[in-house]
Amino acid sequence: MTETHSGFIAIVGPTNAGKSTLINQIMGRKVSIVSHKVQTTRTNLRAIKMVGNRQLIFVDTPGIFRPSRRLDRAMVGAAFDATSDADAILLVIDAQKGITDTVRNLVEKIRGHKNLFVALNKVDAVSKPELLPLTAQINELASPREIFMISALKNDGIKQMLDSLAAVMPAGPYLFDAHDASDVPDNLYLAELTREKIYKYIHQELPYHINVVTERVDVDDDGVLDIYQKIVVQNDAHKKIVIGRGGAQLKKIGTAARHDIQDQWGVNARLHLFVRVEPDWENTAENYTDQGLEFKK
């Protein structure tokens, strides 16, 4: 009988380093939302990738940044919690930005891990002469087992990286069904897809004070999903932005999210969106537990 291996890999890094793009590329499908806005990944999303007889369980954490709001602190706390029990840590660094203060502070917290790897992302946008001193800096600062030169967007260098990560996974039974792509709860995944579209269409007008909750999913006799979601904003001005003139903006968001849901799941769906003003939603415990975050008073 072939020996099996299974382990957790925490993906960490500054905001907008390309962690969500990387996890989506690894999985060949959308698992984590991608946006021009930083800090869009709120939860520790897990995705399962088989490399031969080795099961890699990626934990895509919220980006590391300087937290101010309660939600921010919960997100950063979740990212560091993910590294404590990980079998390997993959630090993703934007090659264009290099070694920032955020990277230095992050390395101080994880440099002692025996299986620390670094993925230098977006190398296609940087000249090769610039990469050599950067890799030397990373080696001196973090002493990783290996540095991968990758472009998550173009799928360059990903296979070699997966092979190296698979090699350090401990022997043991598979922790998830080998055919499962992700263990993200369906309702949360659906909400993430809609939240992505909100950021896509109104990222300039709308701040981060927004939440999407999947309240229920019904299936009719023909197998069509009826998905009911509420978009939670802090005030009436934000509500008007989300809805748009004559409801046009909300319709655009809903149509794009519905198409994404249908493409990702191979189902027919109707998406029902409702915008609600809840000024204190960031201080409501249920909104954190729904996203897998810890509510701290």
C-alpha atoms as a PDB file:
ATOM      1  CA  MET A   1       0.000   0.000   0.000  1.00  0.00           C
ATOM      2  CA  THR A   2       1.334   3.447  -0.976  1.00  0.00           C
ATOM      3  CA  GLU A   3       2.238   5.673   1.963  1.00  0.00           C
ATOM      4  CA  THR A   4       0.162   8.854   2.099  1.00  0.00           C
ATOM      5  CA  HIS A   5       1.187  12.304   3.284  1.00  0.00           C
ATOM      6  CA  SER A   6      -0.954  15.227   4.370  1.00  0.00           C
ATOM      7  CA  GLY A   7      -0.246  18.614   5.897  1.00  0.00           C
ATOM      8  CA  PHE A   8      -1.177  22.276   6.249  1.00  0.00           C
ATOM      9  CA  ILE A   9       0.563  25.138   4.462  1.00  0.00           C
ATOM     10  CA  ALA A  10      -0.154  28.647   5.725  1.00  0.00           C
ATOM     11  CA  ILE A  11       0.110  31.294   3.022  1.00  0.00           C
ATOM     12  CA  VAL A  12       1.056  34.611   4.603  1.00  0.00           C
ATOM     13  CA  GLY A  13       2.255  37.960   3.368  1.00  0.00           C
ATOM     14  CA  PRO A  14       1.472  41.646   3.071  1.00  0.00           C
ATOM     15  CA  THR A  15      -1.793  42.786   1.557  1.00  0.00           C
ATOM     16  CA  ASN A  16      -1.896  42.702  -2.243  1.00  0.00           C
ATOM     17  CA  ALA A  17       1.151  40.429  -2.488  1.00  0.00           C
ATOM     18  CA  GLY A  18      -0.914  38.070  -4.635  1.00  0.00           C
ATOM     19  CA  LYS A  19      -1.877  35.368  -2.120  1.00  0.00           C
ATOM     20  CA  SER A  20      -5.462  35.013  -3.331  1.00  0.00           C
ATOM     21  CA  THR A  21      -4.404  34.962  -6.983  1.00  0.00           C
ATOM     22  CA  LEU A  22      -1.873  32.264  -6.113  1.00  0.00           C
ATOM     23  CA  ILE A  23      -4.371  30.025  -4.317  1.00  0.00           C
ATOM     24  CA  ASN A  24      -6.852  30.398  -7.178  1.00  0.00           C
ATOM     25  CA  GLN A  25      -4.126  29.473  -9.674  1.00  0.00           C
ATOM     26  CA  ILE A  26      -3.126  26.422  -7.644  1.00  0.00           C
ATOM     27  CA  MET A  27      -6.718  25.220  -7.508  1.00  0.00           C
ATOM     28  CA  GLY A  28      -7.584  26.079 -11.103  1.00  0.00           C
ATOM     29  CA  ARG A  29     -10.760  27.747  -9.881  1.00  0.00           C
ATOM     30  CA  LYS A  30     -11.851  30.657  -7.729  1.00  0.00           C
ATOM     31  CA  VAL A  31     -11.489  29.872  -4.030  1.00  0.00           C
ATOM     32  CA  SER A  32     -10.453  33.242  -2.631  1.00  0.00           C
ATOM     33  CA  ILE A  33     -11.693  36.627  -3.806  1.00  0.00           C
ATOM     34  CA  VAL A  34      -9.369  38.871  -5.762  1.00  0.00           C
ATOM     35  CA  SER A  35      -9.755  42.634  -5.715  1.00  0.00           C
ATOM     36  CA  HIS A  36      -7.828  45.838  -6.306  1.00  0.00           C
ATOM     37  CA  LYS A  37      -8.591  46.690  -2.702  1.00  0.00           C
ATOM     38  CA  VAL A  38      -6.191  45.401  -0.076  1.00  0.00           C
ATOM     39  CA  GLN A  39      -7.367  43.279   2.870  1.00  0.00           C
ATOM     40  CA  THR A  40     -10.156  41.612   0.905  1.00  0.00           C
ATOM     41  CA  THR A  41      -9.513  38.096   2.230  1.00  0.00           C
ATOM     42  CA  ARG A  42     -11.143  38.105   5.666  1.00  0.00           C
ATOM     43  CA  THR A  43     -11.108  34.478   6.663  1.00  0.00           C
ATOM     44  CA  ASN A  44      -8.647  31.601   6.753  1.00  0.00           C
ATOM     45  CA  LEU A  45      -9.864  29.901   3.589  1.00  0.00           C
ATOM     46  CA  ARG A  46      -8.662  26.321   3.153  1.00  0.00           C
ATOM     47  CA  ALA A  47      -8.108  24.654  -0.215  1.00  0.00           C
ATOM     48  CA  ILE A  48      -6.976  21.093  -0.844  1.00  0.00           C
ATOM     49  CA  LYS A  49      -4.503  20.195  -3.578  1.00  0.00           C
ATOM     50  CA  MET A  50      -3.280  16.692  -4.376  1.00  0.00           C
ATOM     51  CA  VAL A  51       0.324  16.363  -5.589  1.00  0.00           C
ATOM     52  CA  GLY A  52       0.757  12.681  -6.318  1.00  0.00           C
ATOM     53  CA  ASN A  53      -0.022  10.825  -3.093  1.00  0.00           C
ATOM     54  CA  ARG A  54       0.527  13.950  -0.990  1.00  0.00           C
ATOM     55  CA  GLN A  55      -2.307  16.168   0.171  1.00  0.00           C
ATOM     56  CA  LEU A  56      -1.506  19.857   0.529  1.00  0.00           C
ATOM     57  CA  ILE A  57      -4.020  21.849   2.559  1.00  0.00           C
ATOM     58  CA  PHE A  58      -3.475  25.520   1.845  1.00  0.00           C
ATOM     59  CA  VAL A  59      -4.674  28.086   4.351  1.00  0.00           C
ATOM     60  CA  ASP A  60      -5.058  31.430   2.584  1.00  0.00           C
ATOM     61  CA  THR A  61      -4.892  33.968   5.399  1.00  0.00           C
ATOM     62  CA  PRO A  62      -5.920  37.613   5.536  1.00  0.00           C
ATOM     63  CA  GLY A  63      -3.134  39.935   4.455  1.00  0.00           C
ATOM     64  CA  ILE A  64      -0.891  41.313   7.184  1.00  0.00           C
ATOM     65  CA  PHE A  65      -1.236  45.039   7.749  1.00  0.00           C
ATOM     66  CA  ARG A  66      -1.369  47.503  10.633  1.00  0.00           C
ATOM     67  CA  PRO A  67      -4.741  46.845  12.302  1.00  0.00           C
ATOM     68  CA  SER A  68      -6.906  49.666  13.600  1.00  0.00           C
ATOM     69  CA  ARG A  69     -10.545  48.554  13.661  1.00  0.00           C
ATOM     70  CA  ARG A  70     -11.815  45.545  15.594  1.00  0.00           C
ATOM     71  CA  LEU A  71     -12.420  43.679  12.331  1.00  0.00           C
ATOM     72  CA  ASP A  72      -8.847  44.436  11.254  1.00  0.00           C
ATOM     73  CA  ARG A  73      -7.455  43.031  14.506  1.00  0.00           C
ATOM     74  CA  ALA A  74      -9.511  39.869  14.106  1.00  0.00           C
ATOM     75  CA  MET A  75      -8.221  39.425  10.553  1.00  0.00           C
ATOM     76  CA  VAL A  76      -4.551  39.838  11.508  1.00  0.00           C
ATOM     77  CA  GLY A  77      -5.032  37.567  14.526  1.00  0.00           C
ATOM     78  CA  ALA A  78      -6.502  34.894  12.258  1.00  0.00           C
ATOM     79  CA  ALA A  79      -3.482  35.102   9.960  1.00  0.00           C
ATOM     80  CA  PHE A  80      -0.996  34.486  12.772  1.00  0.00           C
ATOM     81  CA  ASP A  81      -3.140  31.735  14.287  1.00  0.00           C
ATOM     82  CA  ALA A  82      -2.882  29.877  10.984  1.00  0.00           C
ATOM     83  CA  THR A  83       0.922  29.740  11.173  1.00  0.00           C
ATOM     84  CA  SER A  84       1.121  28.231  14.651  1.00  0.00           C
ATOM     85  CA  ASP A  85       0.022  24.723  13.657  1.00  0.00           C
ATOM     86  CA  ALA A  86       1.127  24.750  10.008  1.00  0.00           C
ATOM     87  CA  ASP A  87       3.453  22.062   8.662  1.00  0.00           C
ATOM     88  CA  ALA A  88       4.917  24.652   6.315  1.00  0.00           C
ATOM     89  CA  ILE A  89       4.667  28.409   5.847  1.00  0.00           C
ATOM     90  CA  LEU A  90       4.715  30.055   2.437  1.00  0.00           C
ATOM     91  CA  LEU A  91       5.581  33.737   2.677  1.00  0.00           C
ATOM     92  CA  VAL A  92       4.443  35.571  -0.459  1.00  0.00           C
ATOM     93  CA  ILE A  93       6.378  38.738  -1.278  1.00  0.00           C
ATOM     94  CA  ASP A  94       5.626  41.167  -4.104  1.00  0.00           C
ATOM     95  CA  ALA A  95       8.869  41.379  -6.107  1.00  0.00           C
ATOM     96  CA  GLN A  96       7.975  44.911  -7.188  1.00  0.00           C
ATOM     97  CA  LYS A  97       7.717  46.165  -3.602  1.00  0.00           C
ATOM     98  CA  GLY A  98      10.553  44.088  -2.159  1.00  0.00           C
ATOM     99  CA  ILE A  99      11.387  43.919   1.543  1.00  0.00           C
ATOM    100  CA  THR A 100       9.001  46.358   3.201  1.00  0.00           C
ATOM    101  CA  ASP A 101       8.684  47.088   6.915  1.00  0.00           C
ATOM    102  CA  THR A 102       5.605  44.853   6.940  1.00  0.00           C
ATOM    103  CA  VAL A 103       7.638  41.965   5.518  1.00  0.00           C
ATOM    104  CA  ARG A 104      10.394  42.505   8.073  1.00  0.00           C
ATOM    105  CA  ASN A 105       7.927  42.521  10.961  1.00  0.00           C
ATOM    106  CA  LEU A 106       6.235  39.414   9.622  1.00  0.00           C
ATOM    107  CA  VAL A 107       9.517  37.536   9.212  1.00  0.00           C
ATOM    108  CA  GLU A 108      10.365  38.252  12.848  1.00  0.00           C
ATOM    109  CA  LYS A 109       7.298  36.226  13.854  1.00  0.00           C
ATOM    110  CA  ILE A 110       7.762  33.243  11.514  1.00  0.00           C
ATOM    111  CA  ARG A 111      11.488  32.951  10.815  1.00  0.00           C
ATOM    112  CA  GLY A 112      11.905  30.154  13.356  1.00  0.00           C
ATOM    113  CA  HIS A 113       9.610  27.754  11.499  1.00  0.00           C
ATOM    114  CA  LYS A 114      11.543  24.733  10.176  1.00  0.00           C
ATOM    115  CA  ASN A 115       9.619  24.694   6.895  1.00  0.00           C
ATOM    116  CA  LEU A 116       9.558  28.356   5.928  1.00  0.00           C
ATOM    117  CA  PHE A 117       9.438  28.932   2.165  1.00  0.00           C
ATOM    118  CA  VAL A 118       9.282  32.210   0.249  1.00  0.00           C
ATOM    119  CA  ALA A 119       7.401  32.805  -2.995  1.00  0.00           C
ATOM    120  CA  LEU A 120       8.721  35.890  -4.727  1.00  0.00           C
ATOM    121  CA  ASN A 121       5.668  36.824  -6.774  1.00  0.00           C
ATOM    122  CA  LYS A 122       5.234  39.053  -9.843  1.00  0.00           C
ATOM    123  CA  VAL A 123       8.819  38.381 -10.969  1.00  0.00           C
ATOM    124  CA  ASP A 124       7.686  38.880 -14.572  1.00  0.00           C
ATOM    125  CA  ALA A 125       7.361  42.587 -13.799  1.00  0.00           C
ATOM    126  CA  VAL A 126      10.929  42.944 -12.454  1.00  0.00           C
ATOM    127  CA  SER A 127      14.223  42.752 -14.383  1.00  0.00           C
ATOM    128  CA  LYS A 128      16.492  39.797 -13.572  1.00  0.00           C
ATOM    129  CA  PRO A 129      19.407  41.983 -12.365  1.00  0.00           C
ATOM    130  CA  GLU A 130      17.076  43.409  -9.709  1.00  0.00           C
ATOM    131  CA  LEU A 131      16.002  39.963  -8.501  1.00  0.00           C
ATOM    132  CA  LEU A 132      19.484  38.782  -7.485  1.00  0.00           C
ATOM    133  CA  PRO A 133      20.063  41.318  -4.671  1.00  0.00           C
ATOM    134  CA  LEU A 134      16.449  40.851  -3.574  1.00  0.00           C
ATOM    135  CA  THR A 135      16.865  37.089  -3.140  1.00  0.00           C
ATOM    136  CA  ALA A 136      20.096  37.732  -1.233  1.00  0.00           C
ATOM    137  CA  GLN A 137      18.183  40.068   1.096  1.00  0.00           C
ATOM    138  CA  ILE A 138      15.492  37.464   1.652  1.00  0.00           C
ATOM    139  CA  ASN A 139      18.054  34.756   2.421  1.00  0.00           C
ATOM    140  CA  GLU A 140      19.778  36.989   4.947  1.00  0.00           C
ATOM    141  CA  LEU A 141      16.539  38.106   6.575  1.00  0.00           C
ATOM    142  CA  ALA A 142      14.486  34.918   6.679  1.00  0.00           C
ATOM    143  CA  SER A 143      16.814  31.962   5.928  1.00  0.00           C
ATOM    144  CA  PRO A 144      14.018  30.074   4.126  1.00  0.00           C
ATOM    145  CA  ARG A 145      14.374  26.490   2.948  1.00  0.00           C
ATOM    146  CA  GLU A 146      13.798  27.673  -0.601  1.00  0.00           C
ATOM    147  CA  ILE A 147      12.837  30.779  -2.577  1.00  0.00           C
ATOM    148  CA  PHE A 148      10.466  30.303  -5.513  1.00  0.00           C
ATOM    149  CA  MET A 149      10.412  32.751  -8.405  1.00  0.00           C
ATOM    150  CA  ILE A 150       6.790  32.809  -9.529  1.00  0.00           C
ATOM    151  CA  SER A 151       4.107  34.712 -11.364  1.00  0.00           C
ATOM    152  CA  ALA A 152       0.799  33.664  -9.821  1.00  0.00           C
ATOM    153  CA  LEU A 153      -1.109  35.515 -12.519  1.00  0.00           C
ATOM    154  CA  LYS A 154       0.685  33.729 -15.387  1.00  0.00           C
ATOM    155  CA  ASN A 155       1.061  30.355 -13.617  1.00  0.00           C
ATOM    156  CA  ASP A 156       4.853  30.469 -13.918  1.00  0.00           C
ATOM    157  CA  GLY A 157       6.932  28.518 -11.400  1.00  0.00           C
ATOM    158  CA  ILE A 158       3.882  27.100  -9.611  1.00  0.00           C
ATOM    159  CA  LYS A 159       4.492  23.400 -10.370  1.00  0.00           C
ATOM    160  CA  GLN A 160       8.053  23.429  -9.032  1.00  0.00           C
ATOM    161  CA  MET A 161       6.843  25.217  -5.917  1.00  0.00           C
ATOM    162  CA  LEU A 162       4.122  22.612  -5.309  1.00  0.00           C
ATOM    163  CA  ASP A 163       6.618  19.762  -5.675  1.00  0.00           C
ATOM    164  CA  SER A 164       8.914  21.300  -3.052  1.00  0.00           C
ATOM    165  CA  LEU A 165       6.057  21.944  -0.632  1.00  0.00           C
ATOM    166  CA  ALA A 166       4.722  18.406  -1.117  1.00  0.00           C
ATOM    167  CA  ALA A 167       8.133  16.986  -0.238  1.00  0.00           C
ATOM    168  CA  VAL A 168       7.941  18.279   3.360  1.00  0.00           C
ATOM    169  CA  MET A 169       4.397  17.110   4.114  1.00  0.00           C
ATOM    170  CA  PRO A 170       4.415  14.599   6.987  1.00  0.00           C
ATOM    171  CA  ALA A 171       3.370  10.997   6.511  1.00  0.00           C
ATOM    172  CA  GLY A 172      -0.202  10.310   7.583  1.00  0.00           C
ATOM    173  CA  PRO A 173      -3.729   9.710   6.370  1.00  0.00           C
ATOM    174  CA  TYR A 174      -5.515  12.261   4.228  1.00  0.00           C
ATOM    175  CA  LEU A 175      -7.292  14.825   6.377  1.00  0.00           C
ATOM    176  CA  PHE A 176      -9.897  15.652   3.733  1.00  0.00           C
ATOM    177  CA  ASP A 177     -11.573  13.787   0.899  1.00  0.00           C
ATOM    178  CA  ALA A 178      -9.077  13.865  -1.961  1.00  0.00           C
ATOM    179  CA  HIS A 179     -11.795  15.085  -4.326  1.00  0.00           C
ATOM    180  CA  ASP A 180     -12.776  18.082  -2.199  1.00  0.00           C
ATOM    181  CA  ALA A 181     -11.510  21.367  -3.601  1.00  0.00           C
ATOM    182  CA  SER A 182     -12.205  23.492  -0.558  1.00  0.00           C
ATOM    183  CA  ASP A 183     -13.692  23.187   2.895  1.00  0.00           C
ATOM    184  CA  VAL A 184     -15.079  26.728   2.847  1.00  0.00           C
ATOM    185  CA  PRO A 185     -18.721  26.560   3.929  1.00  0.00           C
ATOM    186  CA  ASP A 186     -20.996  26.985   0.914  1.00  0.00           C
ATOM    187  CA  ASN A 187     -22.777  30.009   2.369  1.00  0.00           C
ATOM    188  CA  LEU A 188     -19.481  31.759   3.074  1.00  0.00           C
ATOM    189  CA  TYR A 189     -18.141  30.952  -0.387  1.00  0.00           C
ATOM    190  CA  LEU A 190     -21.276  32.353  -2.003  1.00  0.00           C
ATOM    191  CA  ALA A 191     -20.987  35.517   0.064  1.00  0.00           C
ATOM    192  CA  GLU A 192     -17.325  35.922  -0.908  1.00  0.00           C
ATOM    193  CA  LEU A 193     -18.202  35.791  -4.609  1.00  0.00           C
ATOM    194  CA  THR A 194     -20.770  38.560  -4.207  1.00  0.00           C
ATOM    195  CA  ARG A 195     -18.418  40.636  -2.056  1.00  0.00           C
ATOM    196  CA  GLU A 196     -15.801  40.382  -4.791  1.00  0.00           C
ATOM    197  CA  LYS A 197     -18.199  41.877  -7.325  1.00  0.00           C
ATOM    198  CA  ILE A 198     -19.030  44.765  -4.984  1.00  0.00           C
ATOM    199  CA  TYR A 199     -15.335  45.626  -4.759  1.00  0.00           C
ATOM    200  CA  LYS A 200     -14.947  45.246  -8.507  1.00  0.00           C
ATOM    201  CA  TYR A 201     -17.668  47.684  -9.484  1.00  0.00           C
ATOM    202  CA  ILE A 202     -17.629  50.265  -6.702  1.00  0.00           C
ATOM    203  CA  HIS A 203     -14.191  49.946  -5.120  1.00  0.00           C
ATOM    204  CA  GLN A 204     -13.487  53.663  -5.476  1.00  0.00           C
ATOM    205  CA  GLU A 205     -16.689  54.905  -3.863  1.00  0.00           C
ATOM    206  CA  LEU A 206     -17.107  52.318  -1.114  1.00  0.00           C
ATOM    207  CA  PRO A 207     -14.868  51.806   1.926  1.00  0.00           C
ATOM    208  CA  TYR A 208     -14.287  48.479   3.638  1.00  0.00           C
ATOM    209  CA  HIS A 209     -17.236  48.861   5.951  1.00  0.00           C
ATOM    210  CA  ILE A 210     -19.334  46.317   4.135  1.00  0.00           C
ATOM    211  CA  ASN A 211     -20.360  42.731   4.695  1.00  0.00           C
ATOM    212  CA  VAL A 212     -22.249  40.085   2.724  1.00  0.00           C
ATOM    213  CA  VAL A 213     -24.251  37.367   4.456  1.00  0.00           C
ATOM    214  CA  THR A 214     -25.886  34.401   2.725  1.00  0.00           C
ATOM    215  CA  GLU A 215     -29.101  34.061   4.706  1.00  0.00           C
ATOM    216  CA  ARG A 216     -30.439  30.933   3.001  1.00  0.00           C
ATOM    217  CA  VAL A 217     -30.253  28.795  -0.133  1.00  0.00           C
ATOM    218  CA  ASP A 218     -33.324  27.006  -1.484  1.00  0.00           C
ATOM    219  CA  VAL A 219     -33.475  24.478  -4.319  1.00  0.00           C
ATOM    220  CA  ASP A 220     -36.610  24.282  -6.479  1.00  0.00           C
ATOM    221  CA  ASP A 221     -38.031  21.188  -8.195  1.00  0.00           C
ATOM    222  CA  ASP A 222     -35.898  21.849 -11.286  1.00  0.00           C
ATOM    223  CA  GLY A 223     -32.667  22.006  -9.262  1.00  0.00           C
ATOM    224  CA  VAL A 224     -32.310  25.785  -9.571  1.00  0.00           C
ATOM    225  CA  LEU A 225     -30.727  27.467  -6.550  1.00  0.00           C
ATOM    226  CA  ASP A 226     -32.472  30.446  -4.994  1.00  0.00           C
ATOM    227  CA  ILE A 227     -29.782  32.299  -3.058  1.00  0.00           C
ATOM    228  CA  TYR A 228     -30.818  35.025  -0.618  1.00  0.00           C
ATOM    229  CA  GLN A 229     -28.088  37.401   0.544  1.00  0.00           C
ATOM    230  CA  LYS A 230     -28.016  40.648   2.450  1.00  0.00           C
ATOM    231  CA  ILE A 231     -25.407  43.295   1.794  1.00  0.00           C
ATOM    232  CA  VAL A 232     -24.713  45.099   5.050  1.00  0.00           C
ATOM    233  CA  VAL A 233     -23.550  48.723   4.976  1.00  0.00           C
ATOM    234  CA  GLN A 234     -23.010  51.301   7.692  1.00  0.00           C
ATOM    235  CA  ASN A 235     -25.183  54.169   6.505  1.00  0.00           C
ATOM    236  CA  ASP A 236     -27.748  55.342   3.959  1.00  0.00           C
ATOM    237  CA  ALA A 237     -25.093  56.982   1.768  1.00  0.00           C
ATOM    238  CA  HIS A 238     -23.336  53.627   1.319  1.00  0.00           C
ATOM    239  CA  LYS A 239     -26.685  51.980   0.611  1.00  0.00           C
ATOM    240  CA  LYS A 240     -27.368  54.430  -2.220  1.00  0.00           C
ATOM    241  CA  ILE A 241     -23.943  53.688  -3.727  1.00  0.00           C
ATOM    242  CA  VAL A 242     -24.530  49.932  -3.688  1.00  0.00           C
ATOM    243  CA  ILE A 243     -28.034  50.200  -5.158  1.00  0.00           C
ATOM    244  CA  GLY A 244     -27.184  52.854  -7.748  1.00  0.00           C
ATOM    245  CA  ARG A 245     -29.546  54.942  -9.838  1.00  0.00           C
ATOM    246  CA  GLY A 246     -32.760  53.009 -10.357  1.00  0.00           C
ATOM    247  CA  GLY A 247     -31.137  49.904  -8.872  1.00  0.00           C
ATOM    248  CA  ALA A 248     -28.683  49.632 -11.781  1.00  0.00           C
ATOM    249  CA  GLN A 249     -25.565  49.072  -9.664  1.00  0.00           C
ATOM    250  CA  LEU A 250     -27.128  46.359  -7.538  1.00  0.00           C
ATOM    251  CA  LYS A 251     -28.415  44.624 -10.664  1.00  0.00           C
ATOM    252  CA  LYS A 252     -24.932  44.690 -12.216  1.00  0.00           C
ATOM    253  CA  ILE A 253     -23.401  43.246  -9.031  1.00  0.00           C
ATOM    254  CA  GLY A 254     -26.073  40.548  -8.803  1.00  0.00           C
ATOM    255  CA  THR A 255     -25.788  39.529 -12.454  1.00  0.00           C
ATOM    256  CA  ALA A 256     -21.996  39.212 -12.308  1.00  0.00           C
ATOM    257  CA  ALA A 257     -22.100  37.266  -9.020  1.00  0.00           C
ATOM    258  CA  ARG A 258     -24.796  34.933 -10.354  1.00  0.00           C
ATOM    259  CA  HIS A 259     -22.776  34.166 -13.492  1.00  0.00           C
ATOM    260  CA  ASP A 260     -19.719  33.449 -11.333  1.00  0.00           C
ATOM    261  CA  ILE A 261     -21.703  31.138  -9.062  1.00  0.00           C
ATOM    262  CA  GLN A 262     -23.120  29.264 -12.044  1.00  0.00           C
ATOM    263  CA  ASP A 263     -19.697  28.948 -13.688  1.00  0.00           C
ATOM    264  CA  GLN A 264     -17.968  27.811 -10.505  1.00  0.00           C
ATOM    265  CA  TRP A 265     -20.588  25.269  -9.445  1.00  0.00           C
ATOM    266  CA  GLY A 266     -22.097  24.253 -12.772  1.00  0.00           C
ATOM    267  CA  VAL A 267     -25.613  25.029 -11.551  1.00  0.00           C
ATOM    268  CA  ASN A 268     -28.499  27.298 -12.454  1.00  0.00           C
ATOM    269  CA  ALA A 269     -29.111  29.975  -9.855  1.00  0.00           C
ATOM    270  CA  ARG A 270     -31.210  32.995  -8.994  1.00  0.00           C
ATOM    271  CA  LEU A 271     -29.546  35.513  -6.720  1.00  0.00           C
ATOM    272  CA  HIS A 272     -31.698  37.740  -4.515  1.00  0.00           C
ATOM    273  CA  LEU A 273     -29.788  40.677  -3.020  1.00  0.00           C
ATOM    274  CA  PHE A 274     -31.049  43.012  -0.311  1.00  0.00           C
ATOM    275  CA  VAL A 275     -29.143  46.002   1.050  1.00  0.00           C
ATOM    276  CA  ARG A 276     -29.473  46.634   4.786  1.00  0.00           C
ATOM    277  CA  VAL A 277     -28.132  49.504   6.909  1.00  0.00           C
ATOM    278  CA  GLU A 278     -26.611  48.153  10.137  1.00  0.00           C
ATOM    279  CA  PRO A 279     -24.394  50.916  11.587  1.00  0.00           C
ATOM    280  CA  ASP A 280     -22.902  48.669  14.272  1.00  0.00           C
ATOM    281  CA  TRP A 281     -22.345  45.497  12.248  1.00  0.00           C
ATOM    282  CA  GLU A 282     -18.593  45.470  12.923  1.00  0.00           C
ATOM    283  CA  ASN A 283     -19.312  45.136  16.652  1.00  0.00           C
ATOM    284  CA  THR A 284     -21.727  42.215  16.267  1.00  0.00           C
ATOM    285  CA  ALA A 285     -20.241  38.854  17.232  1.00  0.00           C
ATOM    286  CA  GLU A 286     -22.320  36.858  14.728  1.00  0.00           C
ATOM    287  CA  ASN A 287     -20.692  38.649  11.810  1.00  0.00           C
ATOM    288  CA  TYR A 288     -17.275  37.385  12.929  1.00  0.00           C
ATOM    289  CA  THR A 289     -18.206  33.789  13.680  1.00  0.00           C
ATOM    290  CA  ASP A 290     -19.971  33.560  10.292  1.00  0.00           C
ATOM    291  CA  GLN A 291     -16.604  34.352   8.683  1.00  0.00           C
ATOM    292  CA  GLY A 292     -14.561  32.048  10.896  1.00  0.00           C
ATOM    293  CA  LEU A 293     -12.981  34.918  12.813  1.00  0.00           C
ATOM    294  CA  GLU A 294     -12.649  35.359  16.545  1.00  0.00           C
ATOM    295  CA  PHE A 295     -14.715  38.181  18.038  1.00  0.00           C
ATOM    296  CA  LYS A 296     -12.638  40.095  20.592  1.00  0.00           C
ATOM    297  CA  LYS A 297     -14.206  42.720  22.798  1.00  0.00           C
END
